[in-house]
């Protein structure tokens, strides 16, 4: 009974099972650049935000910061081509007075 405890409960004597370390994940080939969602699917506010974010980074080969350079160029071009949001102002209309102002 004591012999079984010393030998590892029936395994070969003197041979303890050592778990092998997990395989190390292979390093990525390079940083994954952001290139989605498709520019055509972005609403105006997101397109503006993306183009402004891209302009913060200097183009470096195929990247602009964390973004794909071609993706950024497409976003910047699309934003520059988008129509401006113009609010019509009546030329001869009354000018609203703020509350508590002298009349």
N, C-alpha and C. Protein backbone atom coordinates (compact mmCIF):
# COMPACT_ATOMS: atom_id res chain seq x y z
N UNK A 1 0.82 -1.18 0.00
CA UNK A 1 0.00 0.00 0.00
C UNK A 1 0.87 1.25 0.00
N UNK A 2 1.95 1.23 0.76
CA UNK A 2 2.83 2.39 0.76
C UNK A 2 3.63 2.50 -0.52
N UNK A 3 3.86 1.40 -1.14
CA UNK A 3 4.63 1.40 -2.38
C UNK A 3 3.89 2.10 -3.51
N UNK A 4 2.60 1.94 -3.54
CA UNK A 4 1.81 2.59 -4.58
C UNK A 4 1.84 4.10 -4.42
N UNK A 5 1.88 4.58 -3.18
CA UNK A 5 1.91 6.02 -2.94
C UNK A 5 3.24 6.61 -3.38
N UNK A 6 4.31 5.85 -3.20
CA UNK A 6 5.62 6.36 -3.58
C UNK A 6 5.87 6.33 -5.08
N UNK A 7 5.20 5.45 -5.78
CA UNK A 7 5.46 5.32 -7.20
C UNK A 7 4.48 6.12 -8.04
N UNK A 8 3.58 6.85 -7.43
CA UNK A 8 2.66 7.67 -8.21
C UNK A 8 1.40 6.94 -8.58
N UNK A 9 0.89 6.11 -7.71
CA UNK A 9 -0.39 5.42 -7.90
C UNK A 9 -0.41 4.55 -9.15
N UNK A 10 0.56 3.70 -9.30
CA UNK A 10 0.54 2.73 -10.38
C UNK A 10 1.29 3.17 -11.63
N UNK A 11 1.80 4.39 -11.70
CA UNK A 11 2.60 4.80 -12.86
C UNK A 11 3.98 4.19 -12.75
N UNK A 12 4.75 4.38 -13.77
CA UNK A 12 6.10 3.83 -13.72
C UNK A 12 6.87 4.49 -12.59
N UNK A 13 7.69 3.71 -11.88
CA UNK A 13 8.41 4.29 -10.76
C UNK A 13 9.40 5.36 -11.23
N UNK A 14 9.43 6.45 -10.47
CA UNK A 14 10.38 7.52 -10.75
C UNK A 14 9.99 8.43 -11.90
N UNK A 15 8.85 8.22 -12.45
CA UNK A 15 8.46 9.04 -13.61
C UNK A 15 7.18 9.79 -13.29
N UNK A 16 7.28 11.04 -13.02
CA UNK A 16 6.09 11.85 -12.72
C UNK A 16 5.63 12.51 -14.02
N UNK A 17 4.34 12.60 -14.18
CA UNK A 17 3.80 13.23 -15.39
C UNK A 17 3.82 14.75 -15.19
N UNK A 18 4.57 15.40 -16.03
CA UNK A 18 4.67 16.86 -15.95
C UNK A 18 3.88 17.44 -17.11
N UNK A 19 2.92 18.31 -16.80
CA UNK A 19 2.15 18.90 -17.91
C UNK A 19 3.03 19.81 -18.76
N UNK A 20 2.87 19.72 -20.05
CA UNK A 20 3.65 20.58 -20.92
C UNK A 20 3.04 21.97 -20.95
N UNK A 21 3.86 22.98 -21.07
CA UNK A 21 3.33 24.35 -21.11
C UNK A 21 2.50 24.55 -22.38
N UNK A 22 1.48 25.42 -22.30
CA UNK A 22 0.67 25.65 -23.50
C UNK A 22 1.52 26.28 -24.60
N UNK A 23 1.18 25.98 -25.81
CA UNK A 23 1.93 26.53 -26.94
C UNK A 23 1.73 28.04 -26.99
N UNK A 24 2.81 28.75 -27.17
CA UNK A 24 2.73 30.21 -27.25
C UNK A 24 2.05 30.59 -28.55
N UNK A 25 1.12 31.57 -28.48
CA UNK A 25 0.47 31.99 -29.72
C UNK A 25 1.49 32.64 -30.65
N UNK A 26 1.33 32.40 -31.92
CA UNK A 26 2.28 33.00 -32.86
C UNK A 26 2.02 34.50 -32.93
N UNK A 27 3.09 35.28 -32.99
CA UNK A 27 2.90 36.73 -33.04
C UNK A 27 2.18 37.12 -34.33
N UNK A 28 1.35 38.16 -34.27
CA UNK A 28 0.65 38.58 -35.48
C UNK A 28 1.65 39.08 -36.52
N UNK A 29 1.28 38.94 -37.77
CA UNK A 29 2.16 39.36 -38.86
C UNK A 29 2.41 40.86 -38.81
N UNK A 30 1.48 41.61 -38.32
CA UNK A 30 1.59 43.05 -38.20
C UNK A 30 0.32 43.55 -37.55
N UNK A 31 0.30 44.81 -37.18
CA UNK A 31 -0.91 45.31 -36.55
C UNK A 31 -2.06 45.31 -37.54
N UNK A 32 -3.21 44.91 -37.06
CA UNK A 32 -4.40 44.89 -37.92
C UNK A 32 -4.90 46.32 -38.05
N UNK A 33 -4.93 46.82 -39.25
CA UNK A 33 -5.38 48.18 -39.48
C UNK A 33 -6.89 48.21 -39.64
N UNK A 34 -7.49 49.28 -39.15
CA UNK A 34 -8.94 49.44 -39.23
C UNK A 34 -9.30 49.86 -40.66
N UNK A 35 -10.24 49.14 -41.25
CA UNK A 35 -10.69 49.48 -42.60
C UNK A 35 -12.17 49.12 -42.78
N UNK A 36 -12.94 49.26 -41.72
CA UNK A 36 -14.37 49.02 -41.81
C UNK A 36 -15.05 49.89 -40.76
N UNK A 37 -16.30 50.19 -40.88
CA UNK A 37 -17.30 49.76 -41.85
C UNK A 37 -17.09 50.46 -43.18
N UNK A 38 -17.75 49.99 -44.23
CA UNK A 38 -17.61 50.62 -45.53
C UNK A 38 -17.99 52.11 -45.49
N UNK A 39 -17.20 52.93 -46.15
CA UNK A 39 -17.41 54.37 -46.15
C UNK A 39 -18.81 54.73 -46.64
N UNK A 40 -19.30 54.03 -47.65
CA UNK A 40 -20.61 54.35 -48.22
C UNK A 40 -21.75 54.13 -47.22
N UNK A 41 -21.52 53.33 -46.19
CA UNK A 41 -22.57 53.05 -45.21
C UNK A 41 -22.55 53.99 -44.01
N UNK A 42 -21.55 54.87 -43.92
CA UNK A 42 -21.44 55.76 -42.76
C UNK A 42 -22.37 56.95 -42.89
N UNK A 43 -23.09 57.28 -41.82
CA UNK A 43 -23.87 58.52 -41.83
C UNK A 43 -22.92 59.72 -41.78
N UNK A 44 -23.43 60.89 -42.11
CA UNK A 44 -22.59 62.09 -42.22
C UNK A 44 -21.79 62.36 -40.95
N UNK A 45 -22.41 62.21 -39.78
CA UNK A 45 -21.70 62.51 -38.53
C UNK A 45 -20.52 61.56 -38.31
N UNK A 46 -20.70 60.29 -38.62
CA UNK A 46 -19.60 59.33 -38.45
C UNK A 46 -18.53 59.54 -39.51
N UNK A 47 -18.93 59.91 -40.71
CA UNK A 47 -17.97 60.18 -41.78
C UNK A 47 -17.10 61.38 -41.41
N UNK A 48 -17.72 62.41 -40.87
CA UNK A 48 -16.99 63.59 -40.43
C UNK A 48 -16.00 63.22 -39.32
N UNK A 49 -16.49 62.46 -38.34
CA UNK A 49 -15.65 62.06 -37.22
C UNK A 49 -14.46 61.22 -37.69
N UNK A 50 -14.71 60.28 -38.58
CA UNK A 50 -13.64 59.42 -39.10
C UNK A 50 -12.62 60.23 -39.87
N UNK A 51 -13.08 61.14 -40.73
CA UNK A 51 -12.12 61.92 -41.52
C UNK A 51 -11.29 62.83 -40.62
N UNK A 52 -11.91 63.39 -39.58
CA UNK A 52 -11.15 64.22 -38.65
C UNK A 52 -10.14 63.39 -37.86
N UNK A 53 -10.53 62.19 -37.48
CA UNK A 53 -9.62 61.29 -36.75
C UNK A 53 -8.44 60.90 -37.65
N UNK A 54 -8.73 60.59 -38.90
CA UNK A 54 -7.66 60.21 -39.83
C UNK A 54 -6.68 61.35 -40.07
N UNK A 55 -7.20 62.57 -40.10
CA UNK A 55 -6.33 63.72 -40.37
C UNK A 55 -5.36 64.01 -39.22
N UNK A 56 -5.59 63.42 -38.06
CA UNK A 56 -4.67 63.59 -36.94
C UNK A 56 -3.35 62.90 -37.18
N UNK A 57 -3.35 61.89 -38.06
CA UNK A 57 -2.16 61.07 -38.29
C UNK A 57 -1.53 61.39 -39.64
N UNK A 58 -0.23 61.41 -39.65
CA UNK A 58 0.52 61.61 -40.89
C UNK A 58 0.50 60.29 -41.65
N UNK A 59 0.24 60.32 -42.96
CA UNK A 59 0.26 59.06 -43.73
C UNK A 59 1.65 58.41 -43.64
N UNK A 60 1.66 57.13 -43.31
CA UNK A 60 2.91 56.38 -43.19
C UNK A 60 2.77 55.09 -43.98
N UNK A 61 3.26 55.08 -45.19
CA UNK A 61 3.18 53.92 -46.09
C UNK A 61 1.73 53.48 -46.25
N UNK A 62 1.31 52.44 -45.53
CA UNK A 62 -0.05 51.94 -45.72
C UNK A 62 -0.95 52.21 -44.52
N UNK A 63 -0.52 53.11 -43.62
CA UNK A 63 -1.32 53.36 -42.42
C UNK A 63 -1.39 54.84 -42.08
N UNK A 64 -2.45 55.18 -41.37
CA UNK A 64 -2.61 56.48 -40.72
C UNK A 64 -3.01 56.16 -39.30
N UNK A 65 -2.03 56.08 -38.42
CA UNK A 65 -2.32 55.66 -37.05
C UNK A 65 -2.84 54.23 -37.09
N UNK A 66 -3.99 53.97 -36.44
CA UNK A 66 -4.53 52.61 -36.44
C UNK A 66 -5.37 52.30 -37.68
N UNK A 67 -5.48 53.25 -38.59
CA UNK A 67 -6.35 53.09 -39.76
C UNK A 67 -5.55 52.76 -41.01
N UNK A 68 -6.19 52.02 -41.90
CA UNK A 68 -5.63 51.73 -43.22
C UNK A 68 -5.57 53.06 -43.98
N UNK A 69 -4.45 53.38 -44.60
CA UNK A 69 -4.28 54.67 -45.27
C UNK A 69 -5.29 54.87 -46.39
N UNK A 70 -5.54 53.84 -47.20
CA UNK A 70 -6.51 53.96 -48.28
C UNK A 70 -7.91 54.19 -47.74
N UNK A 71 -8.24 53.55 -46.63
CA UNK A 71 -9.54 53.74 -45.98
C UNK A 71 -9.70 55.19 -45.52
N UNK A 72 -8.64 55.74 -44.93
CA UNK A 72 -8.67 57.14 -44.49
C UNK A 72 -8.80 58.09 -45.68
N UNK A 73 -8.04 57.83 -46.72
CA UNK A 73 -8.12 58.71 -47.89
C UNK A 73 -9.53 58.70 -48.48
N UNK A 74 -10.15 57.53 -48.50
CA UNK A 74 -11.52 57.42 -49.01
C UNK A 74 -12.49 58.18 -48.10
N UNK A 75 -12.30 58.09 -46.79
CA UNK A 75 -13.17 58.80 -45.84
C UNK A 75 -13.01 60.31 -45.97
N UNK A 76 -11.78 60.77 -46.08
CA UNK A 76 -11.52 62.21 -46.21
C UNK A 76 -12.12 62.74 -47.52
N UNK A 77 -11.94 62.00 -48.59
CA UNK A 77 -12.49 62.41 -49.89
C UNK A 77 -14.01 62.43 -49.85
N UNK A 78 -14.62 61.42 -49.23
CA UNK A 78 -16.08 61.36 -49.15
C UNK A 78 -16.63 62.50 -48.31
N UNK A 79 -15.94 62.84 -47.23
CA UNK A 79 -16.41 63.94 -46.38
C UNK A 79 -16.27 65.27 -47.12
N UNK A 80 -15.20 65.45 -47.85
CA UNK A 80 -15.02 66.71 -48.57
C UNK A 80 -16.03 66.85 -49.70
N UNK A 81 -16.55 65.73 -50.21
CA UNK A 81 -17.56 65.78 -51.27
C UNK A 81 -18.99 65.85 -50.75
N UNK A 82 -19.18 65.64 -49.44
CA UNK A 82 -20.55 65.61 -48.92
C UNK A 82 -21.13 67.02 -48.88
N UNK A 83 -22.44 67.13 -49.10
CA UNK A 83 -23.06 68.46 -49.11
C UNK A 83 -23.06 69.07 -47.71
N UNK A 84 -22.94 70.37 -47.68
CA UNK A 84 -22.98 71.08 -46.41
C UNK A 84 -24.41 71.11 -45.88
N UNK A 85 -24.51 71.17 -44.60
CA UNK A 85 -25.82 71.31 -43.97
C UNK A 85 -26.10 72.81 -43.83
N UNK A 86 -26.97 73.32 -44.65
CA UNK A 86 -27.25 74.75 -44.66
C UNK A 86 -28.63 74.98 -44.05
N UNK A 87 -28.68 75.93 -43.13
CA UNK A 87 -29.93 76.29 -42.49
C UNK A 87 -30.37 77.62 -43.08
N UNK A 88 -31.55 77.66 -43.70
CA UNK A 88 -32.00 78.92 -44.28
C UNK A 88 -32.35 79.95 -43.19
N UNK A 89 -31.98 81.19 -43.42
CA UNK A 89 -32.29 82.28 -42.51
C UNK A 89 -33.14 83.29 -43.28
N UNK A 90 -34.24 83.66 -42.70
CA UNK A 90 -35.10 84.64 -43.35
C UNK A 90 -34.42 85.99 -43.35
N UNK A 91 -34.38 86.63 -44.51
CA UNK A 91 -33.69 87.91 -44.65
C UNK A 91 -34.42 89.01 -43.89
N UNK A 92 -35.73 89.09 -44.04
CA UNK A 92 -36.49 90.16 -43.41
C UNK A 92 -37.30 89.67 -42.22
N UNK A 93 -36.99 88.51 -41.74
CA UNK A 93 -37.74 87.93 -40.63
C UNK A 93 -37.39 88.61 -39.31
N UNK A 94 -38.26 88.45 -38.32
CA UNK A 94 -37.99 89.07 -37.01
C UNK A 94 -36.83 88.37 -36.32
N UNK A 95 -36.08 89.14 -35.58
CA UNK A 95 -34.97 88.62 -34.81
C UNK A 95 -35.53 88.27 -33.43
N UNK A 96 -35.37 87.03 -33.00
CA UNK A 96 -35.93 86.67 -31.69
C UNK A 96 -35.22 87.38 -30.56
N UNK A 97 -36.00 87.80 -29.57
CA UNK A 97 -35.44 88.45 -28.39
C UNK A 97 -35.30 87.43 -27.28
N UNK A 98 -34.17 87.41 -26.62
CA UNK A 98 -34.03 86.49 -25.49
C UNK A 98 -34.94 86.94 -24.35
N UNK A 99 -35.36 85.99 -23.50
CA UNK A 99 -36.21 86.36 -22.38
C UNK A 99 -35.52 87.37 -21.48
N UNK A 100 -36.29 88.21 -20.83
CA UNK A 100 -35.80 89.24 -19.90
C UNK A 100 -34.95 90.29 -20.59
N UNK A 101 -35.11 90.51 -21.86
CA UNK A 101 -34.34 91.55 -22.54
C UNK A 101 -35.21 92.79 -22.69
N UNK A 102 -34.57 93.94 -22.81
CA UNK A 102 -35.31 95.20 -22.99
C UNK A 102 -35.91 95.22 -24.38
N UNK A 103 -37.15 95.71 -24.48
CA UNK A 103 -37.81 95.75 -25.78
C UNK A 103 -37.93 97.15 -26.29
